[in-house]
Protein backbone atom coordinates (compact mmCIF):
# COMPACT_ATOMS: atom_id res chain seq x y z
CA UNK A 1 126.72 108.83 103.06
CA UNK A 2 123.18 109.13 101.36
CA UNK A 3 120.63 108.68 104.05
CA UNK A 4 118.53 105.75 103.27
CA UNK A 5 114.87 107.03 101.80
CA UNK A 6 111.86 106.44 103.83
CA UNK A 7 109.95 103.24 103.21
CA UNK A 8 107.03 103.63 100.73
CA UNK A 9 105.42 100.80 102.56
CA UNK A 10 106.12 99.08 106.10
CA UNK A 11 104.51 96.10 107.44
CA UNK A 12 105.58 95.49 110.92
CA UNK A 13 105.04 92.14 112.61
CA UNK A 14 101.59 91.38 111.00
CA UNK A 15 99.88 88.26 112.30
CA UNK A 16 96.67 86.41 111.68
CA UNK A 17 95.03 83.44 112.85
CA UNK A 18 91.77 81.50 112.22
CA UNK A 19 91.00 79.34 115.08
CA UNK A 20 94.07 76.99 115.68
CA UNK A 21 95.47 77.88 112.43
CA UNK A 22 98.17 80.54 112.05
CA UNK A 23 98.13 81.94 108.47
CA UNK A 24 100.53 84.87 108.89
CA UNK A 25 103.00 84.80 111.95
CA UNK A 26 104.82 87.81 112.38
CA UNK A 27 105.85 88.77 109.03
CA UNK A 28 107.74 92.29 108.64
CA UNK A 29 109.33 93.88 105.36
CA UNK A 30 110.06 97.41 104.38
CA UNK A 31 109.27 98.52 100.67
CA UNK A 32 111.79 101.11 99.33
CA UNK A 33 110.50 104.15 97.12
CA UNK A 34 110.59 103.66 93.46
CA UNK A 35 111.24 99.65 93.32
CA UNK A 36 109.95 96.40 92.35
CA UNK A 37 109.36 94.39 95.59
CA UNK A 38 108.49 90.88 95.30
CA UNK A 39 106.34 88.97 98.13
CA UNK A 40 107.70 85.58 97.48
CA UNK A 41 107.06 82.28 98.70
CA UNK A 42 105.31 78.58 97.85
CA UNK A 43 101.56 78.17 97.34
CA UNK A 44 99.99 78.36 100.64
CA UNK A 45 102.67 80.58 102.34
CA UNK A 46 100.44 83.45 103.53
CA UNK A 47 101.03 85.92 100.59
CA UNK A 48 97.63 86.70 99.74
CA UNK A 49 96.56 87.14 103.28
CA UNK A 50 99.64 89.54 103.85
CA UNK A 51 98.40 91.49 101.13
CA UNK A 52 95.06 91.53 102.24
CA UNK A 53 95.70 92.70 105.64
CA UNK A 54 98.18 95.62 103.70
CA UNK A 55 95.12 96.66 101.68
CA UNK A 56 92.82 96.50 105.34
CA UNK A 57 90.53 93.98 103.90
CA UNK A 58 91.63 91.78 106.70
CA UNK A 59 92.58 93.28 110.05
CA UNK A 60 95.60 91.85 111.65
CA UNK A 61 95.78 90.14 115.06
CA UNK A 62 98.52 92.08 115.63
CA UNK A 63 101.15 94.32 114.12
CA UNK A 64 100.77 97.40 111.98
CA UNK A 65 100.80 98.30 108.44
CA UNK A 66 102.74 102.20 107.49
CA UNK A 67 102.29 104.09 104.42
CA UNK A 68 104.90 106.80 103.88
CA UNK A 69 106.18 106.57 107.32
CA UNK A 70 103.07 106.93 108.96
CA UNK A 71 99.95 104.58 110.28
CA UNK A 72 98.02 103.41 107.25
CA UNK A 73 94.81 105.55 106.32
CA UNK A 74 92.13 105.33 103.95
CA UNK A 75 93.43 108.04 102.00
CA UNK A 76 96.69 106.01 101.62
CA UNK A 77 94.81 103.25 100.02
CA UNK A 78 93.48 105.75 97.40
CA UNK A 79 97.08 106.31 96.29
CA UNK A 80 97.24 102.59 95.69
CA UNK A 81 96.19 100.45 92.67
CA UNK A 82 95.27 97.03 93.96
CA UNK A 83 95.05 93.88 91.59
CA UNK A 84 93.60 90.97 93.80
CA UNK A 85 94.07 87.32 93.36
CA UNK A 86 90.74 86.52 92.48
CA UNK A 87 89.53 88.94 89.71
CA UNK A 88 86.29 89.68 88.22
CA UNK A 89 84.58 91.76 85.45
CA UNK A 90 80.88 92.31 84.72
CA UNK A 91 80.65 90.10 81.79
CA UNK A 92 77.73 91.98 80.30
CA UNK A 93 79.29 95.51 80.18
CA UNK A 94 81.25 97.03 76.97
CA UNK A 95 84.92 97.40 77.64
CA UNK A 96 85.10 100.93 77.55
CA UNK A 97 81.98 101.50 79.84
CA UNK A 98 83.53 98.99 82.43
CA UNK A 99 87.08 101.32 82.23
CA UNK A 100 85.03 104.17 82.98
CA UNK A 101 83.28 102.91 85.73
CA UNK A 102 86.33 101.48 87.26
CA UNK A 103 87.91 104.76 86.74
CA UNK A 104 85.07 106.61 88.39
CA UNK A 105 85.36 104.08 91.46
CA UNK A 106 88.84 105.39 92.12
CA UNK A 107 87.57 109.05 92.17
CA UNK A 108 87.88 109.94 88.41
CA UNK A 109 85.44 112.07 86.69
CA UNK A 110 83.76 110.43 83.40
CA UNK A 111 85.46 113.10 81.56
CA UNK A 112 88.92 112.13 82.88
CA UNK A 113 88.70 108.63 82.86
CA UNK A 114 87.57 108.41 78.91
CA UNK A 115 90.95 109.67 77.44
CA UNK A 116 93.03 107.56 79.96
CA UNK A 117 90.97 104.81 78.85
CA UNK A 118 91.43 105.47 75.12
CA UNK A 119 95.17 105.86 75.58
CA UNK A 120 95.51 102.63 77.35
CA UNK A 121 93.56 100.62 75.24
CA UNK A 122 95.52 101.88 72.39
CA UNK A 123 98.76 101.07 74.27
CA UNK A 124 97.83 97.47 74.80
CA UNK A 125 96.45 97.11 71.19
CA UNK A 126 93.13 96.32 72.09
CA UNK A 127 91.38 99.69 70.86
CA UNK A 128 89.29 97.50 68.30
CA UNK A 129 87.37 95.83 70.97
CA UNK A 130 86.47 98.88 73.31
CA UNK A 131 82.78 98.62 71.99
CA UNK A 132 82.67 94.66 72.78
CA UNK A 133 81.27 93.23 75.79
CA UNK A 134 83.59 91.76 78.23
CA UNK A 135 82.27 88.30 77.82
CA UNK A 136 83.21 88.31 73.80
CA UNK A 137 86.67 88.72 75.22
CA UNK A 138 89.72 86.30 75.35
CA UNK A 139 91.03 85.10 79.01
CA UNK A 140 94.34 87.08 77.89
CA UNK A 141 92.31 90.35 76.92
CA UNK A 142 90.07 90.31 79.94
CA UNK A 143 93.42 90.19 81.98
CA UNK A 144 94.63 93.13 80.10
CA UNK A 145 91.65 95.29 81.00
CA UNK A 146 91.92 94.04 84.71
CA UNK A 147 95.46 95.88 84.29
CA UNK A 148 94.07 98.89 83.00
CA UNK A 149 91.43 99.19 85.39
CA UNK A 150 94.31 98.82 88.19
CA UNK A 151 96.53 101.78 86.90
CA UNK A 152 93.84 104.14 85.56
CA UNK A 153 93.96 106.42 88.18
CA UNK A 154 97.65 106.50 88.21
CA UNK A 155 98.59 105.36 91.48
CA UNK A 156 101.73 106.01 93.34
CA UNK A 157 101.90 102.38 94.26
CA UNK A 158 100.72 98.84 92.52
CA UNK A 159 100.19 96.00 94.79
CA UNK A 160 99.44 93.10 92.38
CA UNK A 161 98.71 89.47 93.95
CA UNK A 162 100.21 86.92 91.36
CA UNK A 163 99.67 89.20 88.62
CA UNK A 164 101.31 86.71 86.01
CA UNK A 165 98.95 83.83 86.94
CA UNK A 166 97.24 82.23 83.92
CA UNK A 167 99.08 84.75 81.40
CA UNK A 168 100.44 83.34 78.11
CA UNK A 169 104.12 84.05 77.37
CA UNK A 170 103.34 87.06 75.34
CA UNK A 171 101.14 88.98 77.89
CA UNK A 172 103.42 87.95 80.64
CA UNK A 173 106.09 89.83 78.59
CA UNK A 174 103.80 92.64 78.20
CA UNK A 175 103.06 93.05 81.88
CA UNK A 176 106.76 92.83 82.84
CA UNK A 177 107.39 95.57 80.41
CA UNK A 178 104.25 97.62 82.05
CA UNK A 179 105.73 97.20 85.48
CA UNK A 180 109.59 98.18 84.25
CA UNK A 181 108.11 101.41 82.73
CA UNK A 182 106.03 102.00 85.92
CA UNK A 183 109.05 101.82 87.90
CA UNK A 184 111.04 104.20 85.55
CA UNK A 185 108.44 106.80 86.19
CA UNK A 186 109.29 106.39 90.07
CA UNK A 187 106.42 104.56 91.09
CA UNK A 188 106.65 101.59 93.70
CA UNK A 189 105.26 98.14 92.91
CA UNK A 190 104.86 95.43 95.27
CA UNK A 191 103.60 91.81 93.61
CA UNK A 192 103.57 88.48 94.90
CA UNK A 193 104.30 85.14 93.32
CA UNK A 194 105.71 81.58 93.72
CA UNK A 195 107.57 81.63 90.61
CA UNK A 196 111.22 82.30 91.40
CA UNK A 197 112.21 82.99 87.57
CA UNK A 198 109.68 86.04 87.29
CA UNK A 199 110.88 87.36 90.52
CA UNK A 200 114.75 87.42 89.64
CA UNK A 201 114.24 88.94 86.44
CA UNK A 202 112.00 91.90 87.93
CA UNK A 203 112.70 92.40 91.74
CA UNK A 204 114.86 94.98 93.35
CA UNK A 205 114.12 93.71 96.81
CA UNK A 206 112.29 90.64 98.03
CA UNK A 207 110.50 89.31 101.38
CA UNK A 208 110.17 85.52 101.19
CA UNK A 209 107.98 83.86 103.56
CA UNK A 210 107.07 80.03 104.34
CA UNK A 211 104.43 78.74 106.42
CA UNK A 212 103.44 82.31 107.35
CA UNK A 213 106.91 83.31 108.31
CA UNK A 214 109.61 85.74 106.97
CA UNK A 215 112.67 83.62 106.15
CA UNK A 216 114.57 85.83 104.09
CA UNK A 217 114.22 89.51 103.09
CA UNK A 218 116.13 92.53 101.74
CA UNK A 219 117.97 93.71 98.25
CA UNK A 220 118.11 91.00 96.19
CA UNK A 221 121.35 91.67 94.76
CA UNK A 222 122.80 91.72 98.10
CA UNK A 223 121.19 88.54 99.06
CA UNK A 224 122.51 86.46 96.12
CA UNK A 225 126.00 87.71 97.20
CA UNK A 226 125.64 86.81 100.62
CA UNK A 227 124.00 83.29 99.62
CA UNK A 228 126.79 82.63 97.16
CA UNK A 229 129.91 80.38 97.40
CA UNK A 230 127.93 77.20 97.36
CA UNK A 231 126.78 77.02 93.87
CA UNK A 232 128.26 75.31 91.15
CA UNK A 233 127.92 75.26 87.37
CA UNK A 234 128.76 71.85 85.78
CA UNK A 235 129.28 70.96 82.22
CA UNK A 236 129.59 67.03 81.75
CA UNK A 237 129.39 64.32 79.45
CA UNK A 238 127.24 61.43 81.15
CA UNK A 239 124.27 60.76 83.39
CA UNK A 240 123.94 64.45 85.24
CA UNK A 241 120.92 63.25 86.89
CA UNK A 242 123.00 61.29 89.25
CA UNK A 243 124.42 64.57 90.68
CA UNK A 244 121.48 64.78 93.21
CA UNK A 245 122.74 61.54 94.75
CA UNK A 246 126.16 62.91 95.44
CA UNK A 247 126.77 63.23 99.15
CA UNK A 248 127.19 67.19 100.15
CA UNK A 249 124.71 68.18 96.99
CA UNK A 250 121.68 69.94 98.37
CA UNK A 251 120.12 70.48 95.32
CA UNK A 252 120.76 70.03 91.48
CA UNK A 253 119.19 71.52 88.30
CA UNK A 254 120.00 69.55 85.15
CA UNK A 255 119.08 72.24 82.12
CA UNK A 256 117.56 70.96 78.83
CA UNK A 257 119.50 71.06 75.66
CA UNK A 258 122.86 69.56 74.70
CA UNK A 259 126.41 71.61 74.96
CA UNK A 260 129.16 70.57 72.61
CA UNK A 261 131.04 69.30 75.69
CA UNK A 262 128.01 67.85 77.27
CA UNK A 263 125.29 68.88 79.30
CA UNK A 264 124.66 71.58 82.13
CA UNK A 265 123.70 71.48 85.44
CA UNK A 266 123.67 73.84 88.48
CA UNK A 267 124.14 72.18 91.96
CA UNK A 268 124.01 73.70 95.45
CA UNK A 269 126.02 72.26 98.03
CA UNK A 270 125.07 71.95 101.77
CA UNK A 271 126.66 74.47 104.12
CA UNK A 272 130.35 73.69 104.84
CA UNK A 273 130.70 71.32 101.80
CA UNK A 274 134.00 71.86 99.75
CA UNK A 275 133.49 72.31 96.07
CA UNK A 276 136.54 70.04 95.61
CA UNK A 277 135.44 67.10 97.52
CA UNK A 278 132.30 66.94 95.49
CA UNK A 279 134.47 67.15 92.20
CA UNK A 280 136.42 64.27 93.17
CA UNK A 281 133.07 62.24 93.84
CA UNK A 282 131.72 63.27 90.29
CA UNK A 283 134.76 62.82 88.23
CA UNK A 284 134.03 59.14 88.77
CA UNK A 285 130.95 58.74 87.03
CA UNK A 286 131.18 62.01 84.53
CA UNK A 287 133.41 63.41 82.11
CA UNK A 288 133.71 66.80 83.53
CA UNK A 289 134.27 69.63 81.37
CA UNK A 290 133.83 72.35 83.74
CA UNK A 291 133.07 72.92 87.50
CA UNK A 292 132.79 76.70 88.27
CA UNK A 293 131.57 78.61 91.52
CA UNK A 294 128.67 80.92 90.67
CA UNK A 295 126.22 83.02 91.87
CA UNK A 296 123.18 81.20 92.74
CA UNK A 297 119.88 81.83 91.50
CA UNK A 298 116.73 82.80 93.47
CA UNK A 299 115.30 79.17 92.98
CA UNK A 300 118.25 77.75 94.51
CA UNK A 301 118.18 79.94 97.23
CA UNK A 302 114.72 79.44 97.74
CA UNK A 303 114.98 75.92 98.06
CA UNK A 304 118.00 76.45 100.64
CA UNK A 305 116.39 78.67 103.04
CA UNK A 306 113.12 77.28 102.98
CA UNK A 307 114.95 73.80 104.08
CA UNK A 308 116.74 75.40 106.82
CA UNK A 309 113.60 77.18 108.11
CA UNK A 310 112.06 73.85 108.47
């Protein structure tokens, strides 16, 4: 059996308190090399605090952060591209000057930074704006500039805090493509989000936290296999919204749009509840065309494990 590769990043039982409030309570995770890793959780779960401790912006009260199998050093952080949740650019600077400035902050010479800036501006189709002031750019263009500033020094690791926040669908797709390309080059990405659909499409591994604590982590495909068995697809005619009221149904999502045979919903059953028993109940008010067990999506898993952790 092939030996497991050493984690690029390890977080070992980090904890952070502010007076009587515990923001992060013993979170641990291991980020394998060459993967996209999602730090997931609802707003206020402690994701940003975790990332700030990883980046040495905040010191953990307890626990340790390790890069490449050893305690974190300042040199390790130079190998990281970090995009914080609170972003800012110097509005009066020209785009090209701003990016060269960011490159020099990350150790590039002006001569090395300029051709990299030109390549990225061309790749993101914003070369025509290189000599414009930042304040003349739309919000979406400014977000592109911030991403370029994060990757300009070609870091081995990307750490992005809510990178899709505020992006329109076109720029969301662009960012996702860039992350996939980055992974294809053998680099490692850690990003935080509270939007499960984004994580499900991108992530190889996840760590789900709630109220500052780890509630689930591991390879996403393995987690979905382990959590399967209680998720069902229902195609039926009638009032599918009533599925949420059926005893034994923990969560129900009715999908938009009509099918030839009715409408579609996904339901998550409580532990120990048999699908056959639920089917007997729903046929009393729905004309059921399909009732099939299937792999749960990440949103359903999220709801289940967070409820169990309460």
